[in-house]
Structures are given as structure tokens and as C-alpha cells.
């Protein structure tokens, strides 16, 4: 018997699961950001972190079209990089402790 597991959808992808979990952890962490950041840093970090999982899901759906698949994965990578920048800002503005920021950044 093979160890191969048939993927039924994007939710079966480990990378999607990790991206989704991280976006939820960033959401929870951003709840403590100051109210004046609601329409700037808070919205931006939530949007970019959620976009990683969303682009992975879209890429999975378009996997039969190699160029579209790669484009969506590139978008996910770009959103992950953007999230790292927002995490840096959150740390430097002292909204996240350096240790917590480093843990999120690592993942």
C-alpha cells in the first residue's frame, strides 16, 4: 500500500494549513494593537497574512495551468514577505515583543 494521500482540496495541503494557522495567530496578536492603528498596521498585517493562505488555495485550484499556478505561488510569497515587514513594524513600534515577533517571523 502506498503512502500517497490523494488531495481532495487546498485544505489538505500542509502549507495551506500552516499559512492559515499563522494568519489566525497574527490576527489574535493584532487585537492588542492600539486603536489608532486599526485602519493602517492592523488592517495591513491581517490582510497580507490572510492573502498567503488565499493565494495558495487559488494556486491549488489553478494547478492545471502551470503559469497561473506559479503566479499564485509567487503572489503568496510576496504576501508572506509583506507580512514580515509589517511584523517588523509591529515590533519596532513596540506592539509585539521581540521574542513573539521572531517566533511569528520564523514561521
N, C-alpha and C. Protein backbone atom coordinates (compact mmCIF):
# COMPACT_ATOMS: atom_id res chain seq x y z
N UNK A 1 0.83 -1.17 0.00
CA UNK A 1 0.00 0.00 0.00
C UNK A 1 0.88 1.24 0.00
N UNK A 2 0.53 2.19 -0.79
CA UNK A 2 1.31 3.42 -0.95
C UNK A 2 1.04 4.41 0.17
N UNK A 3 2.03 5.25 0.48
CA UNK A 3 1.84 6.29 1.48
C UNK A 3 1.28 7.56 0.85
N UNK A 4 1.01 7.49 -0.45
CA UNK A 4 0.45 8.63 -1.17
C UNK A 4 -0.97 8.90 -0.70
N UNK A 5 -1.24 10.16 -0.41
CA UNK A 5 -2.59 10.56 0.01
C UNK A 5 -3.16 11.47 -1.07
N UNK A 6 -4.30 11.13 -1.57
CA UNK A 6 -4.94 11.94 -2.59
C UNK A 6 -5.43 13.25 -1.97
N UNK A 7 -5.09 14.35 -2.64
CA UNK A 7 -5.53 15.66 -2.18
C UNK A 7 -6.94 15.92 -2.68
N UNK A 8 -7.83 16.21 -1.77
CA UNK A 8 -9.21 16.49 -2.15
C UNK A 8 -9.45 17.98 -2.35
N UNK A 9 -8.58 18.78 -1.77
CA UNK A 9 -8.72 20.22 -1.90
C UNK A 9 -7.55 20.93 -1.24
N UNK A 10 -7.57 22.24 -1.32
CA UNK A 10 -6.46 23.03 -0.78
C UNK A 10 -6.30 22.86 0.73
N UNK A 11 -7.37 22.54 1.43
CA UNK A 11 -7.28 22.38 2.88
C UNK A 11 -6.44 21.16 3.27
N UNK A 12 -6.20 20.26 2.34
CA UNK A 12 -5.35 19.09 2.60
C UNK A 12 -3.86 19.42 2.50
N UNK A 13 -3.53 20.56 1.94
CA UNK A 13 -2.13 20.95 1.78
C UNK A 13 -1.55 21.41 3.11
N UNK A 14 -0.42 20.84 3.50
CA UNK A 14 0.23 21.23 4.76
C UNK A 14 0.61 22.71 4.73
N UNK A 15 1.09 23.20 3.61
CA UNK A 15 1.49 24.60 3.51
C UNK A 15 0.29 25.53 3.70
N UNK A 16 -0.86 25.14 3.17
CA UNK A 16 -2.08 25.93 3.39
C UNK A 16 -2.44 25.93 4.87
N UNK A 17 -2.40 24.76 5.50
CA UNK A 17 -2.75 24.65 6.92
C UNK A 17 -1.84 25.53 7.78
N UNK A 18 -0.55 25.52 7.48
CA UNK A 18 0.39 26.34 8.23
C UNK A 18 0.16 27.83 8.00
N UNK A 19 -0.10 28.21 6.77
CA UNK A 19 -0.36 29.62 6.44
C UNK A 19 -1.63 30.10 7.13
N UNK A 20 -2.66 29.28 7.11
CA UNK A 20 -3.93 29.65 7.74
C UNK A 20 -3.74 29.81 9.25
N UNK A 21 -3.06 28.85 9.85
CA UNK A 21 -2.83 28.91 11.30
C UNK A 21 -2.04 30.16 11.68
N UNK A 22 -1.01 30.47 10.90
CA UNK A 22 -0.20 31.65 11.19
C UNK A 22 -1.03 32.93 11.03
N UNK A 23 -1.86 33.00 10.01
CA UNK A 23 -2.72 34.17 9.82
C UNK A 23 -3.65 34.35 11.02
N UNK A 24 -4.16 33.27 11.55
CA UNK A 24 -5.04 33.36 12.72
C UNK A 24 -4.26 33.81 13.97
N UNK A 25 -3.02 33.35 14.09
CA UNK A 25 -2.20 33.78 15.23
C UNK A 25 -1.85 35.27 15.11
N UNK A 26 -1.59 35.73 13.90
CA UNK A 26 -1.32 37.15 13.68
C UNK A 26 -2.58 37.96 13.97
N UNK A 27 -3.73 37.46 13.58
CA UNK A 27 -4.99 38.12 13.91
C UNK A 27 -5.13 38.30 15.42
N UNK A 28 -4.89 37.22 16.16
CA UNK A 28 -5.00 37.29 17.62
C UNK A 28 -4.00 38.29 18.20
N UNK A 29 -2.77 38.24 17.72
CA UNK A 29 -1.74 39.16 18.22
C UNK A 29 -2.10 40.61 17.92
N UNK A 30 -2.70 40.85 16.76
CA UNK A 30 -3.00 42.22 16.35
C UNK A 30 -4.20 42.81 17.10
N UNK A 31 -4.94 41.99 17.82
CA UNK A 31 -6.05 42.50 18.62
C UNK A 31 -5.57 43.48 19.70
N UNK A 32 -4.33 43.33 20.10
CA UNK A 32 -3.80 44.20 21.16
C UNK A 32 -3.14 45.47 20.61
N UNK A 33 -3.10 45.63 19.29
CA UNK A 33 -2.52 46.85 18.72
C UNK A 33 -3.40 48.04 19.10
N UNK A 34 -2.80 49.22 19.20
CA UNK A 34 -3.58 50.42 19.57
C UNK A 34 -4.70 50.72 18.58
N UNK A 35 -5.75 51.34 19.08
CA UNK A 35 -6.90 51.69 18.24
C UNK A 35 -6.51 52.57 17.06
N UNK A 36 -5.54 53.44 17.24
CA UNK A 36 -5.15 54.33 16.14
C UNK A 36 -4.48 53.58 14.97
N UNK A 37 -4.13 52.33 15.18
CA UNK A 37 -3.54 51.51 14.12
C UNK A 37 -4.59 50.68 13.38
N UNK A 38 -5.85 50.78 13.80
CA UNK A 38 -6.91 49.94 13.23
C UNK A 38 -6.96 49.99 11.70
N UNK A 39 -6.86 51.19 11.12
CA UNK A 39 -7.00 51.33 9.67
C UNK A 39 -5.66 51.39 8.95
N UNK A 40 -4.59 51.07 9.65
CA UNK A 40 -3.28 51.05 9.00
C UNK A 40 -2.59 49.73 9.29
N UNK A 41 -1.73 49.69 10.27
CA UNK A 41 -0.93 48.49 10.52
C UNK A 41 -1.79 47.25 10.79
N UNK A 42 -2.81 47.39 11.60
CA UNK A 42 -3.66 46.23 11.94
C UNK A 42 -4.30 45.65 10.69
N UNK A 43 -4.92 46.51 9.89
CA UNK A 43 -5.56 46.03 8.66
C UNK A 43 -4.54 45.44 7.69
N UNK A 44 -3.39 46.10 7.55
CA UNK A 44 -2.39 45.65 6.59
C UNK A 44 -1.82 44.28 6.96
N UNK A 45 -1.47 44.10 8.22
CA UNK A 45 -0.86 42.83 8.62
C UNK A 45 -1.87 41.69 8.55
N UNK A 46 -3.11 41.98 8.86
CA UNK A 46 -4.15 40.94 8.75
C UNK A 46 -4.39 40.59 7.28
N UNK A 47 -4.48 41.60 6.44
CA UNK A 47 -4.75 41.37 5.02
C UNK A 47 -3.63 40.57 4.37
N UNK A 48 -2.38 40.99 4.58
CA UNK A 48 -1.27 40.29 3.92
C UNK A 48 -1.11 38.87 4.43
N UNK A 49 -1.29 38.66 5.74
CA UNK A 49 -1.12 37.29 6.26
C UNK A 49 -2.23 36.38 5.76
N UNK A 50 -3.43 36.89 5.65
CA UNK A 50 -4.53 36.08 5.11
C UNK A 50 -4.35 35.80 3.63
N UNK A 51 -3.75 36.73 2.92
CA UNK A 51 -3.55 36.57 1.47
C UNK A 51 -2.60 35.43 1.15
N UNK A 52 -1.70 35.10 2.05
CA UNK A 52 -0.79 33.97 1.81
C UNK A 52 -1.62 32.70 1.63
N UNK A 53 -2.48 32.41 2.59
CA UNK A 53 -3.32 31.21 2.50
C UNK A 53 -4.27 31.29 1.31
N UNK A 54 -4.84 32.45 1.06
CA UNK A 54 -5.78 32.60 -0.06
C UNK A 54 -5.10 32.36 -1.40
N UNK A 55 -3.89 32.85 -1.57
CA UNK A 55 -3.18 32.63 -2.83
C UNK A 55 -2.76 31.18 -3.00
N UNK A 56 -2.41 30.52 -1.92
CA UNK A 56 -2.10 29.09 -2.00
C UNK A 56 -3.34 28.32 -2.46
N UNK A 57 -4.49 28.65 -1.88
CA UNK A 57 -5.75 27.99 -2.26
C UNK A 57 -6.07 28.25 -3.73
N UNK A 58 -5.92 29.50 -4.18
CA UNK A 58 -6.18 29.81 -5.59
C UNK A 58 -5.21 29.07 -6.50
N UNK A 59 -3.95 29.01 -6.09
CA UNK A 59 -2.95 28.29 -6.88
C UNK A 59 -3.28 26.82 -7.01
N UNK A 60 -3.73 26.22 -5.91
CA UNK A 60 -4.12 24.81 -5.95
C UNK A 60 -5.24 24.61 -6.95
N UNK A 61 -6.21 25.50 -6.96
CA UNK A 61 -7.35 25.39 -7.87
C UNK A 61 -6.90 25.52 -9.33
N UNK A 62 -5.87 26.32 -9.57
CA UNK A 62 -5.41 26.57 -10.95
C UNK A 62 -4.18 25.76 -11.31
N UNK A 63 -3.91 24.70 -10.57
CA UNK A 63 -2.69 23.92 -10.78
C UNK A 63 -2.59 23.27 -12.15
N UNK A 64 -3.70 23.11 -12.85
CA UNK A 64 -3.65 22.51 -14.18
C UNK A 64 -3.08 23.50 -15.22
N UNK A 65 -2.95 24.76 -14.82
CA UNK A 65 -2.36 25.79 -15.68
C UNK A 65 -1.04 26.24 -15.05
N UNK A 66 0.07 25.64 -15.47
CA UNK A 66 1.36 25.87 -14.79
C UNK A 66 1.72 27.34 -14.58
N UNK A 67 1.50 28.19 -15.56
CA UNK A 67 1.87 29.60 -15.39
C UNK A 67 1.00 30.29 -14.35
N UNK A 68 -0.28 29.98 -14.34
CA UNK A 68 -1.17 30.57 -13.33
C UNK A 68 -0.84 30.04 -11.94
N UNK A 69 -0.53 28.74 -11.87
CA UNK A 69 -0.15 28.12 -10.60
C UNK A 69 1.08 28.81 -10.03
N UNK A 70 2.12 28.97 -10.85
CA UNK A 70 3.34 29.62 -10.40
C UNK A 70 3.10 31.08 -10.03
N UNK A 71 2.24 31.75 -10.77
CA UNK A 71 1.92 33.15 -10.48
C UNK A 71 1.28 33.27 -9.09
N UNK A 72 0.36 32.38 -8.78
CA UNK A 72 -0.30 32.42 -7.48
C UNK A 72 0.67 32.10 -6.34
N UNK A 73 1.59 31.17 -6.59
CA UNK A 73 2.59 30.87 -5.56
C UNK A 73 3.53 32.05 -5.37
N UNK A 74 3.86 32.75 -6.46
CA UNK A 74 4.69 33.96 -6.36
C UNK A 74 3.94 35.04 -5.58
N UNK A 75 2.64 35.16 -5.81
CA UNK A 75 1.83 36.12 -5.05
C UNK A 75 1.84 35.77 -3.56
N UNK A 76 1.71 34.48 -3.25
CA UNK A 76 1.74 34.04 -1.85
C UNK A 76 3.07 34.40 -1.20
N UNK A 77 4.16 34.19 -1.93
CA UNK A 77 5.49 34.53 -1.43
C UNK A 77 5.61 36.03 -1.19
N UNK A 78 5.09 36.82 -2.11
CA UNK A 78 5.12 38.27 -1.95
C UNK A 78 4.33 38.72 -0.73
N UNK A 79 3.17 38.14 -0.52
CA UNK A 79 2.35 38.49 0.65
C UNK A 79 3.03 38.06 1.95
N UNK A 80 3.72 36.92 1.91
CA UNK A 80 4.47 36.47 3.10
C UNK A 80 5.59 37.46 3.43
N UNK A 81 6.26 37.95 2.41
CA UNK A 81 7.31 38.94 2.61
C UNK A 81 6.73 40.24 3.16
N UNK A 82 5.60 40.66 2.62
CA UNK A 82 4.94 41.87 3.12
C UNK A 82 4.56 41.69 4.59
N UNK A 83 4.06 40.53 4.94
CA UNK A 83 3.70 40.26 6.34
C UNK A 83 4.92 40.38 7.24
N UNK A 84 6.08 39.92 6.77
CA UNK A 84 7.30 40.04 7.56
C UNK A 84 7.64 41.51 7.82
N UNK A 85 7.43 42.36 6.83
CA UNK A 85 7.69 43.79 7.01
C UNK A 85 6.76 44.37 8.07
N UNK A 86 5.47 44.01 8.00
CA UNK A 86 4.52 44.52 8.99
C UNK A 86 4.85 44.00 10.39
N UNK A 87 5.33 42.77 10.48
CA UNK A 87 5.77 42.25 11.78
C UNK A 87 6.95 43.05 12.32
N UNK A 88 7.86 43.44 11.43
CA UNK A 88 8.99 44.29 11.85
C UNK A 88 8.49 45.62 12.41
N UNK A 89 7.53 46.23 11.71
CA UNK A 89 6.96 47.48 12.19
C UNK A 89 6.29 47.29 13.55
N UNK A 90 5.53 46.21 13.69
CA UNK A 90 4.84 45.95 14.95
C UNK A 90 5.83 45.81 16.10
N UNK A 91 6.94 45.15 15.85
CA UNK A 91 7.98 45.00 16.88
C UNK A 91 8.61 46.35 17.19
N UNK A 92 8.99 47.09 16.15
CA UNK A 92 9.69 48.36 16.36
C UNK A 92 8.79 49.45 16.95
N UNK A 93 7.49 49.32 16.75
CA UNK A 93 6.52 50.24 17.38
C UNK A 93 6.14 49.77 18.78
N UNK A 94 6.74 48.65 19.18
CA UNK A 94 6.53 48.05 20.49
C UNK A 94 5.10 47.55 20.71
N UNK A 95 4.48 47.06 19.63
CA UNK A 95 3.17 46.43 19.72
C UNK A 95 3.30 44.93 19.91
N UNK A 96 4.45 44.39 19.52
CA UNK A 96 4.77 42.97 19.71
C UNK A 96 6.13 42.87 20.40
N UNK A 97 6.23 41.97 21.33
CA UNK A 97 7.53 41.72 21.95
C UNK A 97 8.44 41.10 20.90
N UNK A 98 9.72 41.41 20.99
CA UNK A 98 10.69 40.92 20.01
C UNK A 98 10.66 39.39 19.90
N UNK A 99 10.53 38.72 21.02
CA UNK A 99 10.50 37.24 21.01
C UNK A 99 9.29 36.73 20.25
N UNK A 100 8.11 37.33 20.48
CA UNK A 100 6.90 36.90 19.80
C UNK A 100 7.00 37.20 18.30
N UNK A 101 7.52 38.37 17.97
CA UNK A 101 7.70 38.74 16.56
C UNK A 101 8.63 37.75 15.87
N UNK A 102 9.71 37.39 16.53
CA UNK A 102 10.67 36.44 15.94
C UNK A 102 10.04 35.08 15.72
N UNK A 103 9.20 34.65 16.66
CA UNK A 103 8.50 33.36 16.50
C UNK A 103 7.57 33.38 15.29
N UNK A 104 6.80 34.46 15.17
CA UNK A 104 5.89 34.59 14.03
C UNK A 104 6.68 34.69 12.72
N UNK A 105 7.73 35.49 12.73
CA UNK A 105 8.56 35.70 11.55
C UNK A 105 9.17 34.39 11.05
N UNK A 106 9.60 33.57 11.97
CA UNK A 106 10.24 32.30 11.64
C UNK A 106 9.31 31.37 10.88
N UNK A 107 8.03 31.44 11.20
CA UNK A 107 7.06 30.54 10.60
C UNK A 107 6.49 31.09 9.33
